[in-house]
Amino acid sequence: MPSANRWSIAIAAMFLLAAAALVGFALWQADKARQSGPLAAEADGAPWSSTCTAAGRNEPIACMIEQRVVLRGTGTLLTAVRLNFPPNAVTPNIVIQTPFGLALRSGIALQIDNDAPIDFDVQTCDQSGCYAGSVVTGQMLTRFTQAARLTVHFVGINKRPVDVPVSMNGFAAALKNAR
């Protein structure tokens, strides 16, 4: 049995090394993109998308609108901002997704145009990245509809700040579809 335990430890160690390498690569790509020019979704002005689904024909509809920022050339997700409209909910909630490799204690901040950043604690991480979110207030939703740009701020594990511009192109149309 001791050799099986060694194999388990070796496999876990290889998995952790691979994960660390992916985190390092994603942060290196983000830093390189930040230094060399705008990110793909911001530069291309990709519009917000909207999706509505129901569990069945006679079930309430849940909708989501989303803007994704990917790195030019690789398609690697850098940030996603989602507004979820659960069935029968009075207000939506916001979820901000970032890649692995951020300093968790620093959290994630969202800045609407030049307003003061709104701070969010990181709630969880999985194989797709790390997530933060909260309920969207009426005032925040109004600011979203008026905004020209969002900026997602987080700190990389290397202690370097990462600022990701998020296009508001198509936000109003996506919001209308979700309501």
Protein backbone atom coordinates (compact mmCIF):
# COMPACT_ATOMS: atom_id res chain seq x y z
CA MET A 1 0.00 0.00 0.00
CA PRO A 2 2.84 2.49 0.59
CA SER A 3 3.69 2.50 -3.14
CA ALA A 4 0.04 3.34 -4.02
CA ASN A 5 0.22 6.26 -1.61
CA ARG A 6 3.45 7.47 -3.27
CA TRP A 7 1.76 7.33 -6.67
CA SER A 8 -1.16 9.39 -5.35
CA ILE A 9 1.23 11.99 -3.97
CA ALA A 10 3.23 12.05 -7.21
CA ILE A 11 0.10 12.49 -9.33
CA ALA A 12 -1.19 15.26 -7.06
CA ALA A 13 2.20 17.01 -7.23
CA MET A 14 2.22 16.81 -11.05
CA PHE A 15 -1.31 18.21 -11.15
CA LEU A 16 -0.32 21.14 -8.91
CA LEU A 17 2.76 21.86 -11.03
CA ALA A 18 0.66 21.83 -14.21
CA ALA A 19 -1.91 24.15 -12.62
CA ALA A 20 0.83 26.54 -11.46
CA ALA A 21 2.31 26.58 -14.97
CA LEU A 22 -1.10 27.42 -16.48
CA VAL A 23 -1.61 30.24 -13.97
CA GLY A 24 1.81 31.65 -14.74
CA PHE A 25 1.16 31.44 -18.47
CA ALA A 26 -2.23 33.19 -18.19
CA LEU A 27 -0.75 36.02 -16.10
CA TRP A 28 2.21 36.35 -18.47
CA GLN A 29 -0.22 36.54 -21.42
CA ALA A 30 -2.33 39.16 -19.61
CA ASP A 31 0.72 41.26 -18.77
CA LYS A 32 2.04 40.97 -22.34
CA ALA A 33 -1.35 41.97 -23.77
CA ARG A 34 -1.64 44.91 -21.37
CA GLN A 35 1.79 46.18 -22.42
CA SER A 36 1.29 45.66 -26.16
CA GLY A 37 -2.21 46.97 -26.64
CA PRO A 38 -5.91 46.63 -25.96
CA LEU A 39 -7.57 43.33 -25.23
CA ALA A 40 -9.61 41.65 -27.95
CA ALA A 41 -13.14 42.23 -26.60
CA GLU A 42 -12.40 45.89 -25.91
CA ALA A 43 -10.66 46.49 -29.22
CA ASP A 44 -13.23 44.61 -31.28
CA GLY A 45 -16.18 46.07 -29.37
CA ALA A 46 -17.80 42.65 -29.03
CA PRO A 47 -21.37 43.20 -27.82
CA TRP A 48 -22.86 41.84 -24.62
CA SER A 49 -24.70 38.58 -25.15
CA SER A 50 -28.00 37.50 -23.62
CA THR A 51 -29.30 34.01 -22.93
CA CYS A 52 -32.63 32.95 -21.47
CA THR A 53 -33.58 29.42 -20.47
CA ALA A 54 -36.29 27.56 -18.59
CA ALA A 55 -36.25 24.14 -16.96
CA GLY A 56 -39.41 23.22 -18.90
CA ARG A 57 -42.15 24.69 -21.07
CA ASN A 58 -44.26 25.88 -18.19
CA GLU A 59 -41.36 26.85 -15.94
CA PRO A 60 -40.22 30.42 -15.19
CA ILE A 61 -37.50 31.86 -17.39
CA ALA A 62 -34.03 32.72 -16.10
CA CYS A 63 -31.89 35.09 -18.13
CA MET A 64 -28.24 36.10 -18.14
CA ILE A 65 -26.32 38.82 -19.95
CA GLU A 66 -22.58 38.58 -20.30
CA GLN A 67 -19.49 40.30 -21.63
CA ARG A 68 -16.33 38.24 -21.99
CA VAL A 69 -12.81 39.62 -22.40
CA VAL A 70 -10.39 37.25 -24.07
CA LEU A 71 -6.74 37.66 -24.91
CA ARG A 72 -5.99 38.44 -28.52
CA GLY A 73 -4.52 35.50 -30.40
CA THR A 74 -5.13 32.83 -27.75
CA GLY A 75 -8.80 33.21 -26.91
CA THR A 76 -7.89 32.74 -23.24
CA LEU A 77 -10.61 34.13 -20.97
CA LEU A 78 -9.28 37.03 -18.91
CA THR A 79 -12.56 38.28 -17.43
CA ALA A 80 -16.28 37.69 -17.74
CA VAL A 81 -18.94 39.97 -16.25
CA ARG A 82 -22.41 38.40 -15.93
CA LEU A 83 -25.71 39.77 -14.75
CA ASN A 84 -28.06 36.92 -13.81
CA PHE A 85 -31.81 37.43 -13.70
CA PRO A 86 -33.19 34.42 -11.77
CA PRO A 87 -36.87 33.57 -12.24
CA ASN A 88 -39.18 35.65 -10.08
CA ALA A 89 -36.27 37.71 -8.69
CA VAL A 90 -36.76 41.38 -8.03
CA THR A 91 -33.13 42.32 -8.69
CA PRO A 92 -30.37 40.65 -10.72
CA ASN A 93 -27.04 39.56 -9.33
CA ILE A 94 -23.60 40.15 -10.76
CA VAL A 95 -20.85 37.56 -11.10
CA ILE A 96 -17.30 38.52 -12.11
CA GLN A 97 -15.03 35.73 -13.29
CA THR A 98 -11.25 35.99 -13.46
CA PRO A 99 -8.56 33.42 -14.23
CA PHE A 100 -6.61 31.58 -11.56
CA GLY A 101 -3.54 33.32 -10.28
CA LEU A 102 -4.99 36.28 -8.47
CA ALA A 103 -4.18 37.34 -4.93
CA LEU A 104 -7.37 36.19 -3.20
CA ARG A 105 -7.12 38.58 -0.25
CA SER A 106 -7.03 41.57 -2.60
CA GLY A 107 -10.42 40.61 -4.03
CA ILE A 108 -11.86 41.92 -7.26
CA ALA A 109 -13.03 45.47 -7.91
CA LEU A 110 -15.39 46.76 -10.59
CA GLN A 111 -15.18 50.36 -11.71
CA ILE A 112 -18.01 51.95 -13.70
CA ASP A 113 -16.50 54.71 -15.86
CA ASN A 114 -14.61 56.97 -13.42
CA ASP A 115 -16.72 56.16 -10.34
CA ALA A 116 -15.09 54.78 -7.21
CA PRO A 117 -14.40 51.05 -7.60
CA ILE A 118 -16.87 48.62 -6.02
CA ASP A 119 -15.01 45.94 -4.05
CA PHE A 120 -16.02 42.27 -4.11
CA ASP A 121 -14.61 39.39 -2.10
CA VAL A 122 -13.63 36.30 -4.06
CA GLN A 123 -16.32 33.76 -3.22
CA THR A 124 -14.99 30.61 -4.84
CA CYS A 125 -12.63 29.21 -7.46
CA ASP A 126 -12.97 26.17 -9.72
CA GLN A 127 -11.24 24.82 -12.83
CA SER A 128 -12.60 27.74 -14.87
CA GLY A 129 -11.33 30.52 -12.62
CA CYS A 130 -12.30 32.57 -9.58
CA TYR A 131 -15.64 34.25 -8.94
CA ALA A 132 -16.94 37.25 -7.01
CA GLY A 133 -20.40 38.72 -6.97
CA SER A 134 -23.34 40.27 -5.19
CA VAL A 135 -26.86 41.53 -5.69
CA VAL A 136 -27.12 44.43 -8.15
CA THR A 137 -28.71 47.51 -6.63
CA GLY A 138 -31.06 49.70 -8.63
CA GLN A 139 -28.45 52.47 -8.56
CA MET A 140 -25.77 50.11 -9.87
CA LEU A 141 -28.03 48.91 -12.70
CA THR A 142 -28.78 52.52 -13.64
CA ARG A 143 -25.04 53.28 -13.74
CA PHE A 144 -24.48 50.22 -15.95
CA THR A 145 -27.02 51.51 -18.48
CA GLN A 146 -25.29 54.92 -18.54
CA ALA A 147 -21.71 53.64 -18.58
CA ALA A 148 -19.29 53.82 -21.46
CA ARG A 149 -16.86 51.35 -19.88
CA LEU A 150 -16.36 48.99 -16.98
CA THR A 151 -12.95 48.11 -15.62
CA VAL A 152 -12.29 44.96 -13.62
CA HIS A 153 -9.34 45.31 -11.24
CA PHE A 154 -7.53 42.47 -9.51
CA VAL A 155 -4.03 41.75 -8.26
CA GLY A 156 -2.06 38.87 -9.71
CA ILE A 157 -0.33 36.34 -7.53
CA ASN A 158 2.87 38.16 -8.53
CA LYS A 159 1.47 41.25 -6.68
CA ARG A 160 1.08 43.19 -9.95
CA PRO A 161 -2.26 44.93 -10.56
CA VAL A 162 -4.30 43.83 -13.56
CA ASP A 163 -6.87 46.25 -15.02
CA VAL A 164 -9.22 44.76 -17.60
CA PRO A 165 -11.38 47.14 -19.68
CA VAL A 166 -14.85 45.73 -20.41
CA SER A 167 -16.82 47.11 -23.36
CA MET A 168 -20.40 48.22 -22.75
CA ASN A 169 -21.25 47.81 -26.44
CA GLY A 170 -24.68 46.22 -26.74
CA PHE A 171 -25.41 46.31 -23.00
CA ALA A 172 -28.78 48.07 -23.36
CA ALA A 173 -29.99 45.61 -26.03
CA ALA A 174 -28.87 42.60 -23.99
CA LEU A 175 -30.55 44.03 -20.87
CA LYS A 176 -33.78 44.57 -22.79
CA ASN A 177 -33.70 40.95 -23.99
CA ALA A 178 -33.14 39.69 -20.44
CA ARG A 179 -36.05 41.58 -18.94
